[in-house]
Amino acid sequence: MKHVNITIYGRVQRVSFRAATKAVADQLGIRGYVQNKPDGTVYLEAEGDELSVGFMLDWCNDGPEKAVVEKVEVVEAELKNYRNFEVKK
């Protein structure tokens, strides 16, 4: 199992990024959460097996159709053992 903290920069708010991230995370069996940050970024914590986390990172570099992803920062961290994937306000 792997845990990563991901910050996504660009036009990533008001484009259904969080809802789309939840759908992808659920398909991949990723646990954690996603939320919009006041600085205009989207932040997520994702836990899963190496392959699933890799697919999640690949998806984050594109995002949903209307998003314009400029940069993705990834920091590996310790597992928090999330039970599911949530969209936070």
PDB file of N, CA and C in Angstrom:
ATOM      1  N   MET A   1       0.846  -1.196   0.000  1.00  0.00           N
ATOM      2  CA  MET A   1       0.000   0.000   0.000  1.00  0.00           C
ATOM      3  C   MET A   1       0.879   1.243   0.000  1.00  0.00           C
ATOM      4  N   LYS A   2       0.369   2.268  -0.667  1.00  0.00           N
ATOM      5  CA  LYS A   2       1.105   3.508  -0.828  1.00  0.00           C
ATOM      6  C   LYS A   2       0.170   4.671  -0.517  1.00  0.00           C
ATOM      7  N   HIS A   3       0.730   5.743   0.074  1.00  0.00           N
ATOM      8  CA  HIS A   3      -0.027   6.966   0.364  1.00  0.00           C
ATOM      9  C   HIS A   3       0.694   8.130  -0.304  1.00  0.00           C
ATOM     10  N   VAL A   4      -0.068   8.941  -1.051  1.00  0.00           N
ATOM     11  CA  VAL A   4       0.501  10.146  -1.651  1.00  0.00           C
ATOM     12  C   VAL A   4      -0.418  11.331  -1.389  1.00  0.00           C
ATOM     13  N   ASN A   5       0.196  12.483  -1.195  1.00  0.00           N
ATOM     14  CA  ASN A   5      -0.510  13.759  -1.113  1.00  0.00           C
ATOM     15  C   ASN A   5      -0.280  14.457  -2.444  1.00  0.00           C
ATOM     16  N   ILE A   6      -1.359  14.876  -3.096  1.00  0.00           N
ATOM     17  CA  ILE A   6      -1.277  15.427  -4.446  1.00  0.00           C
ATOM     18  C   ILE A   6      -1.894  16.824  -4.451  1.00  0.00           C
ATOM     19  N   THR A   7      -1.165  17.792  -5.004  1.00  0.00           N
ATOM     20  CA  THR A   7      -1.696  19.139  -5.202  1.00  0.00           C
ATOM     21  C   THR A   7      -1.706  19.405  -6.704  1.00  0.00           C
ATOM     22  N   ILE A   8      -2.866  19.820  -7.209  1.00  0.00           N
ATOM     23  CA  ILE A   8      -3.041  20.025  -8.642  1.00  0.00           C
ATOM     24  C   ILE A   8      -3.295  21.507  -8.894  1.00  0.00           C
ATOM     25  N   TYR A   9      -2.485  22.086  -9.782  1.00  0.00           N
ATOM     26  CA  TYR A   9      -2.546  23.505 -10.115  1.00  0.00           C
ATOM     27  C   TYR A   9      -3.117  23.691 -11.516  1.00  0.00           C
ATOM     28  N   GLY A  10      -3.717  24.852 -11.746  1.00  0.00           N
ATOM     29  CA  GLY A  10      -4.267  25.181 -13.058  1.00  0.00           C
ATOM     30  C   GLY A  10      -5.724  25.577 -12.916  1.00  0.00           C
ATOM     31  N   ARG A  11      -6.482  25.412 -14.020  1.00  0.00           N
ATOM     32  CA  ARG A  11      -7.923  25.659 -13.939  1.00  0.00           C
ATOM     33  C   ARG A  11      -8.558  24.344 -13.509  1.00  0.00           C
ATOM     34  N   VAL A  12      -8.632  24.169 -12.191  1.00  0.00           N
ATOM     35  CA  VAL A  12      -9.051  22.881 -11.640  1.00  0.00           C
ATOM     36  C   VAL A  12     -10.238  23.005 -10.673  1.00  0.00           C
ATOM     37  N   GLN A  13     -10.722  24.216 -10.474  1.00  0.00           N
ATOM     38  CA  GLN A  13     -11.933  24.398  -9.677  1.00  0.00           C
ATOM     39  C   GLN A  13     -13.044  24.859 -10.610  1.00  0.00           C
ATOM     40  N   ARG A  14     -14.283  24.503 -10.236  1.00  0.00           N
ATOM     41  CA  ARG A  14     -15.478  24.805 -11.034  1.00  0.00           C
ATOM     42  C   ARG A  14     -15.475  24.067 -12.378  1.00  0.00           C
ATOM     43  N   VAL A  15     -14.831  22.900 -12.418  1.00  0.00           N
ATOM     44  CA  VAL A  15     -14.823  22.067 -13.627  1.00  0.00           C
ATOM     45  C   VAL A  15     -15.154  20.617 -13.266  1.00  0.00           C
ATOM     46  N   SER A  16     -15.805  20.422 -12.119  1.00  0.00           N
ATOM     47  CA  SER A  16     -16.184  19.081 -11.620  1.00  0.00           C
ATOM     48  C   SER A  16     -14.982  18.190 -11.320  1.00  0.00           C
ATOM     49  N   PHE A  17     -13.864  18.804 -10.947  1.00  0.00           N
ATOM     50  CA  PHE A  17     -12.654  18.030 -10.677  1.00  0.00           C
ATOM     51  C   PHE A  17     -12.852  17.075  -9.500  1.00  0.00           C
ATOM     52  N   ARG A  18     -13.461  17.561  -8.410  1.00  0.00           N
ATOM     53  CA  ARG A  18     -13.624  16.708  -7.230  1.00  0.00           C
ATOM     54  C   ARG A  18     -14.536  15.520  -7.513  1.00  0.00           C
ATOM     55  N   ALA A  19     -15.659  15.777  -8.172  1.00  0.00           N
ATOM     56  CA  ALA A  19     -16.592  14.685  -8.471  1.00  0.00           C
ATOM     57  C   ALA A  19     -15.947  13.655  -9.398  1.00  0.00           C
ATOM     58  N   ALA A  20     -15.225  14.127 -10.402  1.00  0.00           N
ATOM     59  CA  ALA A  20     -14.560  13.215 -11.329  1.00  0.00           C
ATOM     60  C   ALA A  20     -13.461  12.433 -10.623  1.00  0.00           C
ATOM     61  N   THR A  21     -12.739  13.084  -9.714  1.00  0.00           N
ATOM     62  CA  THR A  21     -11.694  12.407  -8.948  1.00  0.00           C
ATOM     63  C   THR A  21     -12.296  11.294  -8.100  1.00  0.00           C
ATOM     64  N   LYS A  22     -13.443  11.573  -7.475  1.00  0.00           N
ATOM     65  CA  LYS A  22     -14.119  10.553  -6.669  1.00  0.00           C
ATOM     66  C   LYS A  22     -14.507   9.348  -7.529  1.00  0.00           C
ATOM     67  N   ALA A  23     -15.033   9.599  -8.705  1.00  0.00           N
ATOM     68  CA  ALA A  23     -15.445   8.509  -9.596  1.00  0.00           C
ATOM     69  C   ALA A  23     -14.243   7.646  -9.990  1.00  0.00           C
ATOM     70  N   VAL A  24     -13.130   8.285 -10.326  1.00  0.00           N
ATOM     71  CA  VAL A  24     -11.912   7.551 -10.704  1.00  0.00           C
ATOM     72  C   VAL A  24     -11.368   6.782  -9.505  1.00  0.00           C
ATOM     73  N   ALA A  25     -11.328   7.439  -8.351  1.00  0.00           N
ATOM     74  CA  ALA A  25     -10.818   6.784  -7.137  1.00  0.00           C
ATOM     75  C   ALA A  25     -11.656   5.543  -6.809  1.00  0.00           C
ATOM     76  N   ASP A  26     -12.970   5.668  -6.908  1.00  0.00           N
ATOM     77  CA  ASP A  26     -13.842   4.531  -6.618  1.00  0.00           C
ATOM     78  C   ASP A  26     -13.592   3.386  -7.599  1.00  0.00           C
ATOM     79  N   GLN A  27     -13.398   3.694  -8.872  1.00  0.00           N
ATOM     80  CA  GLN A  27     -13.113   2.663  -9.871  1.00  0.00           C
ATOM     81  C   GLN A  27     -11.801   1.949  -9.579  1.00  0.00           C
ATOM     82  N   LEU A  28     -10.812   2.708  -9.095  1.00  0.00           N
ATOM     83  CA  LEU A  28      -9.480   2.149  -8.849  1.00  0.00           C
ATOM     84  C   LEU A  28      -9.319   1.535  -7.458  1.00  0.00           C
ATOM     85  N   GLY A  29     -10.315   1.727  -6.590  1.00  0.00           N
ATOM     86  CA  GLY A  29     -10.193   1.229  -5.224  1.00  0.00           C
ATOM     87  C   GLY A  29      -9.274   2.085  -4.368  1.00  0.00           C
ATOM     88  N   ILE A  30      -9.147   3.361  -4.741  1.00  0.00           N
ATOM     89  CA  ILE A  30      -8.327   4.317  -3.980  1.00  0.00           C
ATOM     90  C   ILE A  30      -9.139   4.830  -2.803  1.00  0.00           C
ATOM     91  N   ARG A  31      -8.489   4.992  -1.661  1.00  0.00           N
ATOM     92  CA  ARG A  31      -9.128   5.574  -0.480  1.00  0.00           C
ATOM     93  C   ARG A  31      -8.430   6.888  -0.144  1.00  0.00           C
ATOM     94  N   GLY A  32      -9.166   7.788   0.512  1.00  0.00           N
ATOM     95  CA  GLY A  32      -8.616   9.088   0.890  1.00  0.00           C
ATOM     96  C   GLY A  32      -9.667  10.162   0.741  1.00  0.00           C
ATOM     97  N   TYR A  33      -9.256  11.341   0.252  1.00  0.00           N
ATOM     98  CA  TYR A  33     -10.211  12.430   0.053  1.00  0.00           C
ATOM     99  C   TYR A  33      -9.671  13.435  -0.948  1.00  0.00           C
ATOM    100  N   VAL A  34     -10.567  14.283  -1.443  1.00  0.00           N
ATOM    101  CA  VAL A  34     -10.217  15.380  -2.346  1.00  0.00           C
ATOM    102  C   VAL A  34     -10.947  16.628  -1.865  1.00  0.00           C
ATOM    103  N   GLN A  35     -10.301  17.792  -2.010  1.00  0.00           N
ATOM    104  CA  GLN A  35     -10.948  19.046  -1.630  1.00  0.00           C
ATOM    105  C   GLN A  35     -10.348  20.204  -2.414  1.00  0.00           C
ATOM    106  N   ASN A  36     -11.158  21.257  -2.597  1.00  0.00           N
ATOM    107  CA  ASN A  36     -10.674  22.499  -3.168  1.00  0.00           C
ATOM    108  C   ASN A  36      -9.969  23.282  -2.069  1.00  0.00           C
ATOM    109  N   LYS A  37      -8.885  23.958  -2.438  1.00  0.00           N
ATOM    110  CA  LYS A  37      -8.166  24.796  -1.483  1.00  0.00           C
ATOM    111  C   LYS A  37      -8.422  26.267  -1.815  1.00  0.00           C
ATOM    112  N   PRO A  38      -8.315  27.155  -0.822  1.00  0.00           N
ATOM    113  CA  PRO A  38      -8.573  28.585  -1.050  1.00  0.00           C
ATOM    114  C   PRO A  38      -7.657  29.210  -2.109  1.00  0.00           C
ATOM    115  N   ASP A  39      -6.480  28.630  -2.335  1.00  0.00           N
ATOM    116  CA  ASP A  39      -5.552  29.200  -3.320  1.00  0.00           C
ATOM    117  C   ASP A  39      -5.880  28.796  -4.760  1.00  0.00           C
ATOM    118  N   GLY A  40      -6.995  28.069  -4.960  1.00  0.00           N
ATOM    119  CA  GLY A  40      -7.405  27.692  -6.308  1.00  0.00           C
ATOM    120  C   GLY A  40      -6.929  26.316  -6.749  1.00  0.00           C
ATOM    121  N   THR A  41      -6.169  25.639  -5.902  1.00  0.00           N
ATOM    122  CA  THR A  41      -5.696  24.298  -6.234  1.00  0.00           C
ATOM    123  C   THR A  41      -6.708  23.253  -5.771  1.00  0.00           C
ATOM    124  N   VAL A  42      -6.491  22.021  -6.217  1.00  0.00           N
ATOM    125  CA  VAL A  42      -7.218  20.871  -5.697  1.00  0.00           C
ATOM    126  C   VAL A  42      -6.190  20.007  -4.979  1.00  0.00           C
ATOM    127  N   TYR A  43      -6.542  19.550  -3.792  1.00  0.00           N
ATOM    128  CA  TYR A  43      -5.645  18.735  -2.973  1.00  0.00           C
ATOM    129  C   TYR A  43      -6.306  17.389  -2.717  1.00  0.00           C
ATOM    130  N   LEU A  44      -5.530  16.328  -2.855  1.00  0.00           N
ATOM    131  CA  LEU A  44      -6.072  15.037  -2.492  1.00  0.00           C
ATOM    132  C   LEU A  44      -5.030  14.180  -1.808  1.00  0.00           C
ATOM    133  N   GLU A  45      -5.530  13.313  -0.960  1.00  0.00           N
ATOM    134  CA  GLU A  45      -4.721  12.277  -0.344  1.00  0.00           C
ATOM    135  C   GLU A  45      -5.262  10.969  -0.879  1.00  0.00           C
ATOM    136  N   ALA A  46      -4.368  10.136  -1.391  1.00  0.00           N
ATOM    137  CA  ALA A  46      -4.789   8.894  -2.031  1.00  0.00           C
ATOM    138  C   ALA A  46      -3.973   7.730  -1.487  1.00  0.00           C
ATOM    139  N   GLU A  47      -4.674   6.654  -1.150  1.00  0.00           N
ATOM    140  CA  GLU A  47      -4.028   5.424  -0.689  1.00  0.00           C
ATOM    141  C   GLU A  47      -4.530   4.254  -1.516  1.00  0.00           C
ATOM    142  N   GLY A  48      -3.601   3.401  -1.882  1.00  0.00           N
ATOM    143  CA  GLY A  48      -3.962   2.208  -2.629  1.00  0.00           C
ATOM    144  C   GLY A  48      -2.713   1.438  -2.981  1.00  0.00           C
ATOM    145  N   ASP A  49      -2.895   0.401  -3.801  1.00  0.00           N
ATOM    146  CA  ASP A  49      -1.713  -0.336  -4.233  1.00  0.00           C
ATOM    147  C   ASP A  49      -0.936   0.507  -5.242  1.00  0.00           C
ATOM    148  N   GLU A  50       0.313   0.136  -5.456  1.00  0.00           N
ATOM    149  CA  GLU A  50       1.236   0.901  -6.312  1.00  0.00           C
ATOM    150  C   GLU A  50       0.635   1.183  -7.689  1.00  0.00           C
ATOM    151  N   LEU A  51       0.045   0.177  -8.308  1.00  0.00           N
ATOM    152  CA  LEU A  51      -0.501   0.317  -9.656  1.00  0.00           C
ATOM    153  C   LEU A  51      -1.677   1.291  -9.685  1.00  0.00           C
ATOM    154  N   SER A  52      -2.594   1.141  -8.744  1.00  0.00           N
ATOM    155  CA  SER A  52      -3.772   2.019  -8.693  1.00  0.00           C
ATOM    156  C   SER A  52      -3.378   3.465  -8.434  1.00  0.00           C
ATOM    157  N   VAL A  53      -2.442   3.682  -7.522  1.00  0.00           N
ATOM    158  CA  VAL A  53      -1.974   5.037  -7.235  1.00  0.00           C
ATOM    159  C   VAL A  53      -1.306   5.623  -8.486  1.00  0.00           C
ATOM    160  N   GLY A  54      -0.564   4.807  -9.215  1.00  0.00           N
ATOM    161  CA  GLY A  54       0.052   5.264 -10.466  1.00  0.00           C
ATOM    162  C   GLY A  54      -0.983   5.702 -11.490  1.00  0.00           C
ATOM    163  N   PHE A  55      -2.063   4.917 -11.627  1.00  0.00           N
ATOM    164  CA  PHE A  55      -3.145   5.289 -12.545  1.00  0.00           C
ATOM    165  C   PHE A  55      -3.813   6.586 -12.086  1.00  0.00           C
ATOM    166  N   MET A  56      -3.994   6.738 -10.770  1.00  0.00           N
ATOM    167  CA  MET A  56      -4.612   7.953 -10.231  1.00  0.00           C
ATOM    168  C   MET A  56      -3.749   9.173 -10.568  1.00  0.00           C
ATOM    169  N   LEU A  57      -2.433   9.047 -10.394  1.00  0.00           N
ATOM    170  CA  LEU A  57      -1.524  10.154 -10.708  1.00  0.00           C
ATOM    171  C   LEU A  57      -1.579  10.498 -12.187  1.00  0.00           C
ATOM    172  N   ASP A  58      -1.606   9.484 -13.042  1.00  0.00           N
ATOM    173  CA  ASP A  58      -1.716   9.732 -14.485  1.00  0.00           C
ATOM    174  C   ASP A  58      -2.987  10.519 -14.785  1.00  0.00           C
ATOM    175  N   TRP A  59      -4.107  10.104 -14.169  1.00  0.00           N
ATOM    176  CA  TRP A  59      -5.371  10.788 -14.402  1.00  0.00           C
ATOM    177  C   TRP A  59      -5.313  12.237 -13.909  1.00  0.00           C
ATOM    178  N   CYS A  60      -4.678  12.463 -12.767  1.00  0.00           N
ATOM    179  CA  CYS A  60      -4.593  13.820 -12.204  1.00  0.00           C
ATOM    180  C   CYS A  60      -3.849  14.783 -13.127  1.00  0.00           C
ATOM    181  N   ASN A  61      -2.957  14.265 -13.953  1.00  0.00           N
ATOM    182  CA  ASN A  61      -2.227  15.117 -14.893  1.00  0.00           C
ATOM    183  C   ASN A  61      -3.105  15.601 -16.038  1.00  0.00           C
ATOM    184  N   ASP A  62      -4.251  14.951 -16.242  1.00  0.00           N
ATOM    185  CA  ASP A  62      -5.209  15.381 -17.271  1.00  0.00           C
ATOM    186  C   ASP A  62      -6.458  15.978 -16.642  1.00  0.00           C
ATOM    187  N   GLY A  63      -7.015  15.287 -15.662  1.00  0.00           N
ATOM    188  CA  GLY A  63      -8.235  15.737 -15.006  1.00  0.00           C
ATOM    189  C   GLY A  63      -9.446  15.568 -15.899  1.00  0.00           C
ATOM    190  N   PRO A  64     -10.591  16.109 -15.458  1.00  0.00           N
ATOM    191  CA  PRO A  64     -11.805  16.012 -16.272  1.00  0.00           C
ATOM    192  C   PRO A  64     -11.711  16.904 -17.510  1.00  0.00           C
ATOM    193  N   GLU A  65     -12.673  16.758 -18.384  1.00  0.00           N
ATOM    194  CA  GLU A  65     -12.645  17.400 -19.696  1.00  0.00           C
ATOM    195  C   GLU A  65     -12.379  18.909 -19.680  1.00  0.00           C
ATOM    196  N   LYS A  66     -13.027  19.652 -18.783  1.00  0.00           N
ATOM    197  CA  LYS A  66     -12.916  21.117 -18.794  1.00  0.00           C
ATOM    198  C   LYS A  66     -11.719  21.651 -18.002  1.00  0.00           C
ATOM    199  N   ALA A  67     -10.999  20.785 -17.324  1.00  0.00           N
ATOM    200  CA  ALA A  67      -9.853  21.215 -16.512  1.00  0.00           C
ATOM    201  C   ALA A  67      -8.645  21.522 -17.403  1.00  0.00           C
ATOM    202  N   VAL A  68      -7.807  22.434 -16.912  1.00  0.00           N
ATOM    203  CA  VAL A  68      -6.519  22.707 -17.538  1.00  0.00           C
ATOM    204  C   VAL A  68      -5.469  22.536 -16.445  1.00  0.00           C
ATOM    205  N   VAL A  69      -4.837  21.363 -16.405  1.00  0.00           N
ATOM    206  CA  VAL A  69      -3.853  21.060 -15.374  1.00  0.00           C
ATOM    207  C   VAL A  69      -2.499  21.626 -15.807  1.00  0.00           C
ATOM    208  N   GLU A  70      -1.934  22.487 -14.961  1.00  0.00           N
ATOM    209  CA  GLU A  70      -0.641  23.095 -15.265  1.00  0.00           C
ATOM    210  C   GLU A  70       0.503  22.385 -14.560  1.00  0.00           C
ATOM    211  N   LYS A  71       0.229  21.887 -13.342  1.00  0.00           N
ATOM    212  CA  LYS A  71       1.291  21.251 -12.562  1.00  0.00           C
ATOM    213  C   LYS A  71       0.662  20.326 -11.533  1.00  0.00           C
ATOM    214  N   VAL A  72       1.350  19.213 -11.251  1.00  0.00           N
ATOM    215  CA  VAL A  72       0.915  18.270 -10.219  1.00  0.00           C
ATOM    216  C   VAL A  72       2.103  18.010  -9.304  1.00  0.00           C
ATOM    217  N   GLU A  73       1.926  18.304  -8.032  1.00  0.00           N
ATOM    218  CA  GLU A  73       2.965  18.013  -7.030  1.00  0.00           C
ATOM    219  C   GLU A  73       2.556  16.774  -6.249  1.00  0.00           C
ATOM    220  N   VAL A  74       3.499  15.862  -6.065  1.00  0.00           N
ATOM    221  CA  VAL A  74       3.227  14.605  -5.371  1.00  0.00           C
ATOM    222  C   VAL A  74       4.233  14.430  -4.245  1.00  0.00           C
ATOM    223  N   VAL A  75       3.736  14.142  -3.055  1.00  0.00           N
ATOM    224  CA  VAL A  75       4.584  13.879  -1.897  1.00  0.00           C
ATOM    225  C   VAL A  75       4.146  12.553  -1.289  1.00  0.00           C
ATOM    226  N   GLU A  76       5.076  11.616  -1.188  1.00  0.00           N
ATOM    227  CA  GLU A  76       4.748  10.350  -0.522  1.00  0.00           C
ATOM    228  C   GLU A  76       4.712  10.581   0.982  1.00  0.00           C
ATOM    229  N   ALA A  77       3.781   9.911   1.647  1.00  0.00           N
ATOM    230  CA  ALA A  77       3.617  10.079   3.090  1.00  0.00           C
ATOM    231  C   ALA A  77       3.226   8.732   3.707  1.00  0.00           C
ATOM    232  N   GLU A  78       3.085   8.734   5.022  1.00  0.00           N
ATOM    233  CA  GLU A  78       2.726   7.504   5.722  1.00  0.00           C
ATOM    234  C   GLU A  78       1.251   7.185   5.545  1.00  0.00           C
ATOM    235  N   LEU A  79       0.941   5.907   5.538  1.00  0.00           N
ATOM    236  CA  LEU A  79      -0.445   5.459   5.416  1.00  0.00           C
ATOM    237  C   LEU A  79      -1.298   5.990   6.565  1.00  0.00           C
ATOM    238  N   LYS A  80      -2.520   6.381   6.238  1.00  0.00           N
ATOM    239  CA  LYS A  80      -3.480   6.816   7.256  1.00  0.00           C
ATOM    240  C   LYS A  80      -4.644   5.838   7.361  1.00  0.00           C
ATOM    241  N   ASN A  81      -4.633   4.818   6.512  1.00  0.00           N
ATOM    242  CA  ASN A  81      -5.657   3.766   6.530  1.00  0.00           C
ATOM    243  C   ASN A  81      -7.078   4.297   6.399  1.00  0.00           C
ATOM    244  N   TYR A  82      -7.294   5.130   5.372  1.00  0.00           N
ATOM    245  CA  TYR A  82      -8.647   5.611   5.080  1.00  0.00           C
ATOM    246  C   TYR A  82      -9.539   4.423   4.754  1.00  0.00           C
ATOM    247  N   ARG A  83     -10.833   4.555   5.023  1.00  0.00           N
ATOM    248  CA  ARG A  83     -11.793   3.479   4.761  1.00  0.00           C
ATOM    249  C   ARG A  83     -12.467   3.616   3.404  1.00  0.00           C
ATOM    250  N   ASN A  84     -12.559   4.859   2.905  1.00  0.00           N
ATOM    251  CA  ASN A  84     -13.211   5.110   1.613  1.00  0.00           C
ATOM    252  C   ASN A  84     -12.628   6.369   1.001  1.00  0.00           C
ATOM    253  N   PHE A  85     -13.236   6.858  -0.057  1.00  0.00           N
ATOM    254  CA  PHE A  85     -12.781   8.107  -0.696  1.00  0.00           C
ATOM    255  C   PHE A  85     -13.912   9.118  -0.604  1.00  0.00           C
ATOM    256  N   GLU A  86     -13.606  10.303  -0.081  1.00  0.00           N
ATOM    257  CA  GLU A  86     -14.620  11.332   0.139  1.00  0.00           C
ATOM    258  C   GLU A  86     -14.300  12.604  -0.615  1.00  0.00           C
ATOM    259  N   VAL A  87     -15.348  13.357  -0.911  1.00  0.00           N
ATOM    260  CA  VAL A  87     -15.207  14.727  -1.412  1.00  0.00           C
ATOM    261  C   VAL A  87     -15.451  15.639  -0.216  1.00  0.00           C
ATOM    262  N   LYS A  88     -14.432  16.442   0.127  1.00  0.00           N
ATOM    263  CA  LYS A  88     -14.587  17.383   1.251  1.00  0.00           C
ATOM    264  C   LYS A  88     -14.896  18.772   0.697  1.00  0.00           C
ATOM    265  N   LYS A  89     -15.641  19.526   1.484  1.00  0.00           N
ATOM    266  CA  LYS A  89     -15.978  20.910   1.106  1.00  0.00           C
ATOM    267  C   LYS A  89     -14.770  21.794   1.258  1.00  0.00           C
TER     268      LYS A  89
END
